[in-house]
N, C-alpha and C. Protein backbone atom coordinates (compact mmCIF):
# COMPACT_ATOMS: atom_id res chain seq x y z
N UNK A 1 2.21 -13.94 6.02
CA UNK A 1 2.95 -14.67 5.03
C UNK A 1 4.26 -15.03 5.59
N UNK A 2 4.80 -16.06 5.32
CA UNK A 2 6.34 -16.50 5.85
C UNK A 2 7.26 -15.56 5.12
N UNK A 3 7.54 -14.52 5.78
CA UNK A 3 8.66 -13.51 5.36
C UNK A 3 9.99 -14.13 5.20
N UNK A 4 10.39 -14.99 6.09
CA UNK A 4 11.71 -15.44 6.15
C UNK A 4 11.71 -16.49 5.02
N UNK A 5 10.68 -17.20 4.89
CA UNK A 5 10.66 -18.41 3.72
C UNK A 5 10.80 -17.72 2.41
N UNK A 6 9.94 -16.47 2.22
CA UNK A 6 10.04 -15.80 1.09
C UNK A 6 11.51 -15.32 0.79
N UNK A 7 12.11 -14.71 1.74
CA UNK A 7 13.63 -14.08 1.75
C UNK A 7 14.43 -15.31 1.32
N UNK A 8 14.23 -16.53 1.82
CA UNK A 8 15.32 -17.41 1.37
C UNK A 8 15.15 -18.01 0.01
N UNK A 9 14.07 -17.64 -0.69
CA UNK A 9 13.89 -18.11 -2.05
C UNK A 9 13.96 -16.96 -3.15
N UNK A 10 14.39 -15.85 -2.61
CA UNK A 10 14.52 -14.68 -3.56
C UNK A 10 16.01 -14.41 -3.66
N UNK A 11 16.42 -14.04 -5.06
CA UNK A 11 17.64 -13.79 -5.19
C UNK A 11 18.34 -12.40 -4.55
N UNK A 12 17.43 -11.38 -4.83
CA UNK A 12 17.81 -10.14 -4.31
C UNK A 12 16.75 -9.39 -3.45
N UNK A 13 17.10 -9.35 -2.06
CA UNK A 13 16.18 -8.80 -1.06
C UNK A 13 16.89 -7.48 -0.72
N UNK A 14 15.98 -6.41 -0.58
CA UNK A 14 16.43 -5.25 -0.10
C UNK A 14 16.01 -5.03 1.37
N UNK A 15 16.77 -4.40 2.08
CA UNK A 15 16.47 -4.00 3.50
C UNK A 15 15.15 -3.12 3.57
N UNK A 16 14.13 -3.66 4.35
CA UNK A 16 12.86 -2.97 4.49
C UNK A 16 11.68 -3.64 3.49
N UNK A 17 12.30 -4.64 2.65
CA UNK A 17 11.19 -5.20 1.91
C UNK A 17 10.18 -5.94 2.89
N UNK A 18 8.83 -5.80 2.54
CA UNK A 18 7.70 -6.35 3.47
C UNK A 18 7.09 -7.48 2.77
N UNK A 19 6.16 -8.29 3.12
CA UNK A 19 5.62 -9.42 2.71
C UNK A 19 5.02 -9.26 1.29
N UNK A 20 4.35 -8.18 1.00
CA UNK A 20 3.88 -8.23 -0.38
C UNK A 20 4.87 -7.86 -1.50
N UNK A 21 5.84 -6.98 -1.12
CA UNK A 21 7.00 -6.67 -1.95
C UNK A 21 7.84 -8.13 -2.19
N UNK A 22 7.96 -8.76 -1.00
CA UNK A 22 8.70 -9.97 -1.22
C UNK A 22 7.94 -11.15 -2.06
N UNK A 23 6.72 -11.14 -1.94
CA UNK A 23 5.93 -12.08 -2.74
C UNK A 23 6.00 -11.55 -4.22
N UNK A 24 6.05 -10.31 -4.38
CA UNK A 24 6.05 -9.71 -5.74
C UNK A 24 7.45 -10.25 -6.41
N UNK A 25 8.50 -10.04 -5.77
CA UNK A 25 9.83 -10.44 -6.11
C UNK A 25 9.72 -11.85 -6.48
N UNK A 26 9.33 -12.64 -5.56
CA UNK A 26 9.39 -14.13 -5.76
C UNK A 26 8.63 -14.46 -7.04
N UNK A 27 7.29 -14.00 -7.31
CA UNK A 27 6.67 -14.16 -8.34
C UNK A 27 7.15 -13.81 -9.61
N UNK A 28 7.75 -12.54 -9.80
CA UNK A 28 8.46 -12.07 -10.80
C UNK A 28 9.69 -12.88 -11.27
N UNK A 29 10.31 -13.37 -10.21
CA UNK A 29 11.53 -14.13 -10.34
C UNK A 29 11.15 -15.64 -11.07
N UNK A 30 9.95 -15.99 -10.41
CA UNK A 30 9.76 -17.55 -10.78
C UNK A 30 8.57 -17.74 -11.79
N UNK A 31 7.76 -16.73 -11.83
CA UNK A 31 6.53 -16.74 -12.57
C UNK A 31 6.20 -15.24 -13.04
N UNK A 32 7.11 -14.66 -13.76
CA UNK A 32 7.09 -13.57 -14.50
C UNK A 32 5.69 -13.12 -15.06
N UNK A 33 5.19 -13.90 -15.90
CA UNK A 33 3.95 -13.63 -16.62
C UNK A 33 2.71 -13.43 -15.80
N UNK A 34 2.75 -14.03 -14.55
CA UNK A 34 1.43 -14.02 -13.70
C UNK A 34 1.48 -13.20 -12.54
N UNK A 35 2.37 -12.52 -12.23
CA UNK A 35 2.56 -11.97 -10.91
C UNK A 35 1.77 -10.72 -10.75
N UNK A 36 1.21 -10.00 -11.80
CA UNK A 36 0.71 -8.67 -11.71
C UNK A 36 -0.61 -8.68 -11.03
N UNK A 37 -1.52 -9.70 -11.40
CA UNK A 37 -2.86 -9.57 -10.75
C UNK A 37 -2.89 -9.96 -9.39
N UNK A 38 -2.16 -10.85 -8.91
CA UNK A 38 -1.99 -11.18 -7.54
C UNK A 38 -1.56 -10.17 -6.63
N UNK A 39 -0.56 -9.38 -7.08
CA UNK A 39 0.13 -8.33 -6.35
C UNK A 39 -0.88 -7.06 -6.31
N UNK A 40 -1.67 -6.94 -7.40
CA UNK A 40 -2.46 -5.68 -7.52
C UNK A 40 -3.66 -5.94 -6.50
N UNK A 41 -4.21 -7.21 -6.46
CA UNK A 41 -5.27 -7.39 -5.53
C UNK A 41 -4.82 -7.18 -4.00
N UNK A 42 -3.65 -7.88 -3.81
CA UNK A 42 -3.26 -7.82 -2.36
C UNK A 42 -2.78 -6.30 -2.08
N UNK A 43 -2.28 -5.66 -3.07
CA UNK A 43 -2.00 -4.22 -2.73
C UNK A 43 -3.33 -3.37 -2.45
N UNK A 44 -4.31 -3.59 -3.24
CA UNK A 44 -5.45 -2.87 -2.85
C UNK A 44 -6.05 -3.21 -1.49
N UNK A 45 -6.01 -4.50 -1.09
CA UNK A 45 -6.44 -4.87 0.34
C UNK A 45 -5.64 -4.28 1.39
N UNK A 46 -4.32 -4.28 1.11
CA UNK A 46 -3.37 -3.68 2.15
C UNK A 46 -3.50 -2.02 2.04
N UNK A 47 -3.79 -1.55 0.94
CA UNK A 47 -3.85 -0.18 1.11
C UNK A 47 -5.25 0.29 1.77
N UNK A 48 -6.12 -0.46 1.49
CA UNK A 48 -7.55 -0.19 2.17
C UNK A 48 -7.27 -0.35 3.75
N UNK A 49 -6.66 -1.47 4.07
CA UNK A 49 -6.42 -1.65 5.55
C UNK A 49 -5.67 -0.49 6.30
N UNK A 50 -4.69 0.02 5.40
CA UNK A 50 -3.88 1.09 6.02
C UNK A 50 -4.55 2.42 5.99
N UNK A 51 -5.42 2.68 5.02
CA UNK A 51 -6.00 3.97 4.97
C UNK A 51 -7.25 4.13 5.59
N UNK A 52 -7.85 3.05 6.23
CA UNK A 52 -9.26 3.13 6.60
C UNK A 52 -9.22 3.07 8.04
N UNK A 53 -10.17 3.80 8.63
CA UNK A 53 -10.27 3.82 10.15
C UNK A 53 -10.62 2.46 10.52
N UNK A 54 -10.00 1.92 11.69
CA UNK A 54 -9.44 2.71 12.72
C UNK A 54 -8.00 2.83 12.58
N UNK A 55 -7.42 2.13 11.56
CA UNK A 55 -5.93 2.10 11.45
C UNK A 55 -5.41 3.58 11.26
N UNK A 56 -6.12 4.25 10.29
CA UNK A 56 -5.79 5.76 10.09
C UNK A 56 -7.03 6.61 9.80
N UNK A 57 -6.83 7.81 9.70
CA UNK A 57 -7.92 8.62 9.50
C UNK A 57 -8.12 8.78 7.88
N UNK A 58 -9.22 8.59 7.51
CA UNK A 58 -9.76 8.37 6.29
C UNK A 58 -9.53 9.62 5.47
N UNK A 59 -9.26 9.39 4.09
CA UNK A 59 -9.13 10.41 3.30
C UNK A 59 -9.36 10.31 1.84
N UNK A 60 -8.64 11.04 0.97
CA UNK A 60 -8.90 10.85 -0.60
C UNK A 60 -8.55 9.45 -1.03
N UNK A 61 -7.45 8.99 -0.42
CA UNK A 61 -6.92 7.60 -0.81
C UNK A 61 -8.10 6.64 -0.64
N UNK A 62 -8.78 6.64 0.35
CA UNK A 62 -9.93 5.65 0.46
C UNK A 62 -11.04 5.81 -0.23
N UNK A 63 -11.34 7.06 -0.65
CA UNK A 63 -12.32 7.27 -1.66
C UNK A 63 -11.95 6.61 -3.03
N UNK A 64 -10.66 6.91 -3.46
CA UNK A 64 -9.99 6.47 -4.73
C UNK A 64 -10.10 4.90 -4.65
N UNK A 65 -10.03 4.27 -3.55
CA UNK A 65 -9.98 2.86 -3.48
C UNK A 65 -11.35 2.30 -3.78
N UNK A 66 -12.25 2.97 -3.01
CA UNK A 66 -13.60 2.63 -3.11
C UNK A 66 -14.22 2.84 -4.60
N UNK A 67 -13.78 3.83 -5.30
CA UNK A 67 -14.08 4.14 -6.55
C UNK A 67 -13.64 3.19 -7.52
N UNK A 68 -12.24 2.74 -7.33
CA UNK A 68 -11.76 1.59 -8.09
C UNK A 68 -12.44 0.38 -7.95
N UNK A 69 -13.04 0.26 -6.92
CA UNK A 69 -14.02 -1.07 -6.61
C UNK A 69 -15.38 -0.91 -7.26
N UNK A 70 -15.62 0.15 -7.78
CA UNK A 70 -16.86 0.58 -8.34
C UNK A 70 -18.02 0.99 -7.34
N UNK A 71 -17.57 1.27 -6.24
CA UNK A 71 -18.50 1.89 -5.11
C UNK A 71 -18.27 3.37 -4.76
N UNK A 72 -19.26 4.01 -4.25
CA UNK A 72 -19.01 5.33 -3.66
C UNK A 72 -18.88 5.19 -2.22
N UNK A 73 -18.08 6.32 -1.88
CA UNK A 73 -17.82 6.36 -0.36
C UNK A 73 -18.52 7.55 0.39
N UNK A 74 -19.17 7.31 1.60
CA UNK A 74 -19.37 6.07 2.06
C UNK A 74 -20.41 5.22 1.24
N UNK A 75 -20.04 3.90 1.42
CA UNK A 75 -21.14 3.04 0.65
C UNK A 75 -22.51 2.93 1.34
N UNK A 76 -23.43 2.73 0.53
CA UNK A 76 -24.80 2.48 1.07
C UNK A 76 -24.82 1.09 1.67
N UNK A 77 -24.07 0.18 1.28
CA UNK A 77 -24.05 -1.17 1.70
C UNK A 77 -22.72 -1.80 1.82
N UNK A 78 -22.24 -1.66 2.94
CA UNK A 78 -21.01 -2.16 3.36
C UNK A 78 -20.75 -3.55 3.05
N UNK A 79 -21.72 -4.39 2.97
CA UNK A 79 -21.63 -5.87 2.76
C UNK A 79 -21.09 -6.10 1.38
N UNK A 80 -21.64 -5.33 0.39
CA UNK A 80 -21.21 -5.45 -1.16
C UNK A 80 -19.64 -5.08 -0.99
N UNK A 81 -19.32 -4.02 -0.46
CA UNK A 81 -17.73 -3.71 -0.41
C UNK A 81 -16.91 -4.74 0.06
N UNK A 82 -17.31 -5.23 1.11
CA UNK A 82 -16.28 -6.26 1.75
C UNK A 82 -16.47 -7.41 0.98
N UNK A 83 -17.54 -7.84 0.41
CA UNK A 83 -17.57 -8.95 -0.42
C UNK A 83 -16.68 -8.90 -1.56
N UNK A 84 -16.60 -7.74 -2.31
CA UNK A 84 -15.57 -7.26 -3.39
C UNK A 84 -14.25 -7.37 -2.99
N UNK A 85 -13.87 -6.93 -1.72
CA UNK A 85 -12.60 -7.09 -1.23
C UNK A 85 -12.19 -8.57 -0.81
N UNK A 86 -13.14 -9.22 -0.21
CA UNK A 86 -12.98 -10.62 0.02
C UNK A 86 -12.70 -11.47 -1.30
N UNK A 87 -13.25 -10.97 -2.47
CA UNK A 87 -13.29 -11.76 -3.84
C UNK A 87 -11.91 -11.30 -4.33
N UNK A 88 -11.29 -10.19 -4.12
CA UNK A 88 -9.85 -9.84 -4.53
C UNK A 88 -8.91 -10.66 -3.99
N UNK A 89 -9.13 -11.01 -2.57
CA UNK A 89 -8.16 -12.04 -1.81
C UNK A 89 -8.49 -13.49 -2.30
N UNK A 90 -9.68 -13.87 -2.52
CA UNK A 90 -9.82 -15.25 -3.05
C UNK A 90 -9.18 -15.43 -4.45
N UNK A 91 -9.30 -14.34 -5.24
CA UNK A 91 -8.87 -14.52 -6.62
C UNK A 91 -7.35 -14.60 -6.53
N UNK A 92 -6.63 -13.71 -5.54
CA UNK A 92 -5.26 -13.79 -5.48
C UNK A 92 -4.72 -15.05 -5.17
N UNK A 93 -5.48 -15.68 -4.07
CA UNK A 93 -5.13 -17.14 -3.70
C UNK A 93 -5.27 -18.04 -4.68
N UNK A 94 -6.38 -18.26 -5.61
CA UNK A 94 -6.57 -19.02 -6.65
C UNK A 94 -5.44 -18.81 -7.60
N UNK A 95 -5.19 -17.57 -7.91
CA UNK A 95 -4.07 -17.50 -8.93
C UNK A 95 -2.71 -18.01 -8.47
N UNK A 96 -2.39 -17.77 -7.09
CA UNK A 96 -1.13 -18.44 -6.70
C UNK A 96 -1.33 -19.96 -6.50
N UNK A 97 -2.18 -20.52 -6.14
CA UNK A 97 -2.40 -21.99 -6.15
C UNK A 97 -2.20 -22.40 -7.69
N UNK A 98 -2.83 -21.77 -8.55
CA UNK A 98 -2.56 -22.21 -10.03
C UNK A 98 -1.11 -22.20 -10.52
N UNK A 99 -0.48 -21.01 -10.03
CA UNK A 99 0.94 -20.91 -10.33
C UNK A 99 1.91 -21.98 -9.81
N UNK A 100 1.67 -22.03 -8.58
CA UNK A 100 2.45 -22.93 -7.81
C UNK A 100 2.20 -24.72 -8.23
N UNK A 101 1.15 -24.82 -8.82
CA UNK A 101 0.84 -26.34 -9.28
C UNK A 101 1.34 -26.58 -10.54
N UNK A 102 1.75 -25.38 -11.29
CA UNK A 102 2.36 -25.72 -12.75
C UNK A 102 3.53 -26.23 -12.69
C-alpha cells in the first residue's frame, strides 16, 4: 500500500501506524459504515502471514486462524485453505472498489 498517500489523507496519524492501521483510519474517516469487513479480512491475512512458518514459529494463533477459516490445522488440503485466504483478499478489494466508486 502507498503508506505516504494514506498518511496524507488521514487527519490523525500516530507514530508507528502501519499500512492496515492507516487504511482502517482512512476508511473510518471517509467510509465509517463500510470499513469493518475490509480491515477484518486484511487483518486475518496479515496475522496468518506473521504467525505462519517460515516467518515465525507456528503456535496456537495459527491454529485459531485456521479454525476461524473453518479448517483444522494442519489442513488435509492446503489448496482449500489458500483459496479461502485468497477469497478474503478478493472480497476486501471488491469492497474497497465499491466504496471508492460511490
